[in-house]
Structures are given as structure tokens and as C-alpha cells.
Amino acid sequence: MKVKEIIVVEGRDDTTAIQRAVDADTIETNGSAIGEAVLERIALAKERRGVIILTDPDYPGERIRKIVSRHIPGCKHAFLPMEEALSKRGDDLGVENASPEAIRQALQTVHEESEQAPALIIWEDLHAAGLIAGENAKKRRERLGKELSIGYANGKQLLKRLHMFQITKEEFRTALMTVFKEEHKND
């Protein structure tokens, strides 16, 4: 699989994992202390070929995603589910731990940012779906993020991602139904 866009990753091990999975070029941020030179390269890459941000599904990865998005609006985003990015020992979370299949799947379900996204889903919708409070809220958000291919997020971030990627109420309802069916099947 050849990827036209340049993939923004955190480090060299992530680049290695990406190149095992697909034919693609990467730009490494070298962690969350992203310098101006790296941001300038990412901006040029977006202008010339497009950019897909694929960072670790953890706080530092989310921070990098936000920094790049703030400086270079209109980037595309790919997300790895937490369980796909967990090391075999279970002590490390990162793109470098993902299988080539998981990386290809994440890159096939890329989302584009849109700052003009209408607020289709509101906070009360998340609360009514049991995604904000309660003993299963975190697991539901995890499964919903996987179902919609937008990654895991806390409640506030989930609402932002739903808006940023223009997830419609219908897409939201359909994904929620899948989450609930899965939940009841496991009971």
C-alpha cells in the first residue's frame, strides 16, 4: 500500500513500524518538544503532498497532535486503538508496537479536520449515552472511538473529535448501537 501523504510520527521506531506496513514517507517530531523547523517541514509537506498525523494513543501523542493541528490547520488524522498500540509485555503504548495490519487499518480510516463542522452532537447526547459518567463510560468511549476510527478520548476530547471530523448524529447512533450490542453480548 502506497501512501501519498507524509505521515507525522513521534520518533524513529514509529517510522520503522510505518515502513514495515506501507510505502510512505514520515516526518518525526522527536517527542512533544516540536521545534519550529519541524513545524515548517510539516507545513511544507501539507502544502505539497498532504499530511496524516499518526501519534501514540496517549497524552503525549495527543499533545503532539494538538500542537501540529494548531500550527498547521487542515491535517488528516489516523488513530490506532489502544489495544493495537500496546507492547506484548503490556508496559509500553506506541505506534512502534502496532502490527502492520493495525497501521494499514488506521491509515485506511483517515479523518480530515474541518473547522466549519456544525455542532451536530452535543454534550447531553454523550451524557445520555453513558459516555460521560458511570462505571462503563470509559469502556464505551474506548469502543466508540474504535468503531468510528477516531481513537480513545476523554469526554471533552470526544465531543471535540466528533465535531472536528463532522461525525453525524446518524453515524454516532449507528456506532453506539454497535457498542451497546457488544456490551450486552459480553454480559
Protein backbone atom coordinates (compact mmCIF):
# COMPACT_ATOMS: atom_id res chain seq x y z
CA MET A 1 0.00 0.00 0.00
CA LYS A 2 1.45 3.34 -1.12
CA VAL A 3 0.53 6.43 0.91
CA LYS A 4 0.71 9.74 -0.97
CA GLU A 5 0.62 11.93 2.15
CA ILE A 6 3.56 12.29 4.51
CA ILE A 7 2.88 10.68 7.89
CA VAL A 8 3.80 12.65 11.01
CA VAL A 9 5.05 10.35 13.79
CA GLU A 10 6.83 10.82 17.09
CA GLY A 11 10.13 9.04 16.52
CA ARG A 12 12.42 6.72 14.57
CA ASP A 13 10.84 3.49 15.88
CA ASP A 14 7.45 4.75 14.67
CA THR A 15 8.95 5.40 11.21
CA THR A 16 10.28 1.84 11.15
CA ALA A 17 6.84 0.44 12.07
CA ILE A 18 5.14 2.58 9.39
CA GLN A 19 7.60 1.48 6.72
CA ARG A 20 7.04 -2.20 7.63
CA ALA A 21 3.32 -1.65 6.98
CA VAL A 22 3.17 0.71 3.99
CA ASP A 23 5.27 2.53 1.42
CA ALA A 24 5.31 6.03 2.93
CA ASP A 25 7.50 8.93 3.95
CA THR A 26 7.44 10.24 7.50
CA ILE A 27 8.38 13.32 9.47
CA GLU A 28 9.44 12.65 13.06
CA THR A 29 8.57 15.20 15.73
CA ASN A 30 11.13 13.72 18.14
CA GLY A 31 8.69 13.88 21.02
CA SER A 32 6.44 16.68 22.18
CA ALA A 33 9.11 19.39 22.13
CA ILE A 34 8.37 20.14 18.49
CA GLY A 35 10.70 22.80 17.10
CA GLU A 36 9.87 25.48 14.56
CA ALA A 37 11.99 23.74 11.91
CA VAL A 38 9.89 20.56 12.23
CA LEU A 39 6.64 22.55 12.07
CA GLU A 40 7.91 24.31 8.93
CA ARG A 41 8.69 20.93 7.30
CA ILE A 42 5.22 19.65 8.22
CA ALA A 43 3.61 22.81 6.77
CA LEU A 44 5.56 22.35 3.51
CA ALA A 45 4.61 18.66 3.41
CA LYS A 46 0.92 19.51 3.88
CA GLU A 47 1.09 22.06 1.08
CA ARG A 48 2.89 19.73 -1.35
CA ARG A 49 1.56 16.23 -0.60
CA GLY A 50 -0.77 16.37 2.38
CA VAL A 51 -0.12 15.20 5.93
CA ILE A 52 -1.54 12.42 8.10
CA ILE A 53 -0.85 12.65 11.82
CA LEU A 54 -0.41 9.22 13.45
CA THR A 55 0.80 9.60 17.03
CA ASP A 56 0.71 7.30 20.06
CA PRO A 57 -2.74 6.92 21.69
CA ASP A 58 -1.59 8.53 24.95
CA TYR A 59 -1.35 12.01 26.48
CA PRO A 60 1.98 13.00 24.85
CA GLY A 61 0.74 11.73 21.46
CA GLU A 62 -2.47 13.73 21.81
CA ARG A 63 -0.44 16.80 22.82
CA ILE A 64 1.71 16.48 19.67
CA ARG A 65 -1.42 16.05 17.55
CA LYS A 66 -2.88 19.27 19.02
CA ILE A 67 0.34 21.27 18.54
CA VAL A 68 0.67 20.24 14.89
CA SER A 69 -3.06 20.85 14.23
CA ARG A 70 -2.93 24.27 15.87
CA HIS A 71 0.07 25.36 13.75
CA ILE A 72 -0.99 23.62 10.55
CA PRO A 73 -4.80 23.51 10.24
CA GLY A 74 -6.48 21.03 7.91
CA CYS A 75 -4.29 18.00 8.59
CA LYS A 76 -5.63 14.48 8.24
CA HIS A 77 -5.69 12.20 11.29
CA ALA A 78 -5.26 8.47 11.75
CA PHE A 79 -5.79 6.76 15.09
CA LEU A 80 -4.60 3.45 16.50
CA PRO A 81 -6.80 1.77 19.10
CA MET A 82 -5.00 1.47 22.45
CA GLU A 83 -5.02 -2.33 22.38
CA GLU A 84 -3.30 -2.30 18.96
CA ALA A 85 -0.54 0.02 20.22
CA LEU A 86 0.21 -1.86 23.44
CA SER A 87 3.52 -3.73 23.61
CA LYS A 88 3.43 -7.51 24.04
CA ARG A 89 4.66 -7.05 27.63
CA GLY A 90 1.85 -4.54 28.21
CA ASP A 91 4.19 -1.87 29.57
CA ASP A 92 4.50 0.46 26.57
CA LEU A 93 1.95 2.23 24.39
CA GLY A 94 3.05 3.40 20.95
CA VAL A 95 2.83 3.25 17.17
CA GLU A 96 6.06 1.25 17.18
CA ASN A 97 4.22 -1.65 18.87
CA ALA A 98 1.40 -1.89 16.33
CA SER A 99 1.22 -4.66 13.77
CA PRO A 100 1.49 -3.75 10.08
CA GLU A 101 -2.20 -4.72 9.70
CA ALA A 102 -3.26 -2.33 12.50
CA ILE A 103 -1.27 0.50 10.92
CA ARG A 104 -2.78 -0.15 7.48
CA GLN A 105 -6.27 -0.20 9.03
CA ALA A 106 -5.63 3.13 10.81
CA LEU A 107 -4.40 4.68 7.55
CA GLN A 108 -7.45 3.42 5.65
CA THR A 109 -9.81 5.18 8.07
CA VAL A 110 -8.24 8.63 7.99
CA HIS A 111 -10.31 11.62 9.09
CA GLU A 112 -9.95 15.16 7.83
CA GLU A 113 -10.18 18.16 10.12
CA SER A 114 -12.85 20.71 9.48
CA GLU A 115 -13.10 23.89 11.46
CA GLN A 116 -16.52 24.62 9.94
CA ALA A 117 -18.07 21.48 11.39
CA PRO A 118 -21.55 22.14 12.72
CA ALA A 119 -22.10 21.08 16.32
CA LEU A 120 -24.26 18.12 15.45
CA ILE A 121 -23.71 16.15 18.65
CA ILE A 122 -23.95 17.93 21.99
CA TRP A 123 -22.68 17.21 25.49
CA GLU A 124 -26.11 15.99 26.57
CA ASP A 125 -26.01 13.34 23.81
CA LEU A 126 -22.78 11.96 25.28
CA HIS A 127 -24.21 12.04 28.78
CA ALA A 128 -27.45 10.31 27.72
CA ALA A 129 -25.40 7.58 26.01
CA GLY A 130 -23.49 6.86 29.21
CA LEU A 131 -20.22 8.14 27.74
CA ILE A 132 -19.50 10.74 30.42
CA ALA A 133 -20.32 9.29 33.82
CA GLY A 134 -20.82 5.83 35.21
CA GLU A 135 -18.84 2.67 35.59
CA ASN A 136 -18.83 1.78 31.86
CA ALA A 137 -18.27 5.29 30.44
CA LYS A 138 -14.55 4.87 29.76
CA LYS A 139 -15.01 1.46 28.09
CA ARG A 140 -17.86 2.80 25.99
CA ARG A 141 -15.76 5.79 24.84
CA GLU A 142 -12.94 3.38 24.02
CA ARG A 143 -15.21 1.14 21.92
CA LEU A 144 -16.96 4.12 20.29
CA GLY A 145 -13.61 5.66 19.35
CA LYS A 146 -12.57 2.38 17.79
CA GLU A 147 -15.89 1.97 15.96
CA LEU A 148 -15.69 5.50 14.50
CA SER A 149 -11.89 5.25 13.93
CA ILE A 150 -11.26 8.44 15.89
CA GLY A 151 -9.29 6.91 18.77
CA TYR A 152 -9.89 6.91 22.51
CA ALA A 153 -10.63 10.24 24.19
CA ASN A 154 -11.98 11.53 27.46
CA GLY A 155 -15.48 13.04 27.33
CA LYS A 156 -14.44 16.58 26.47
CA GLN A 157 -12.00 15.44 23.77
CA LEU A 158 -14.56 13.00 22.37
CA LEU A 159 -17.01 15.84 21.76
CA LYS A 160 -14.27 17.89 20.07
CA ARG A 161 -13.31 14.98 17.81
CA LEU A 162 -16.93 14.28 16.89
CA HIS A 163 -17.23 17.91 15.81
CA MET A 164 -13.79 18.15 14.18
CA PHE A 165 -14.43 15.11 12.00
CA GLN A 166 -18.07 16.02 11.35
CA ILE A 167 -19.46 12.78 12.73
CA THR A 168 -23.20 12.97 12.07
CA LYS A 169 -25.88 12.03 14.58
CA GLU A 170 -26.69 9.02 12.39
CA GLU A 171 -23.06 7.80 12.36
CA PHE A 172 -22.93 8.38 16.12
CA ARG A 173 -26.17 6.42 16.71
CA THR A 174 -25.07 3.53 14.50
CA ALA A 175 -21.70 3.27 16.25
CA LEU A 176 -23.38 3.49 19.66
CA MET A 177 -25.75 0.68 18.74
CA THR A 178 -22.75 -1.50 17.88
CA VAL A 179 -21.09 -0.58 21.21
CA PHE A 180 -24.25 -1.45 23.18
CA LYS A 181 -24.77 -4.73 21.31
CA GLU A 182 -21.18 -5.69 22.08
CA GLU A 183 -21.66 -4.71 25.71
CA HIS A 184 -24.82 -6.82 26.11
CA LYS A 185 -23.25 -9.75 24.28
CA ASN A 186 -20.43 -9.75 26.86
CA ASP A 187 -22.84 -9.66 29.84
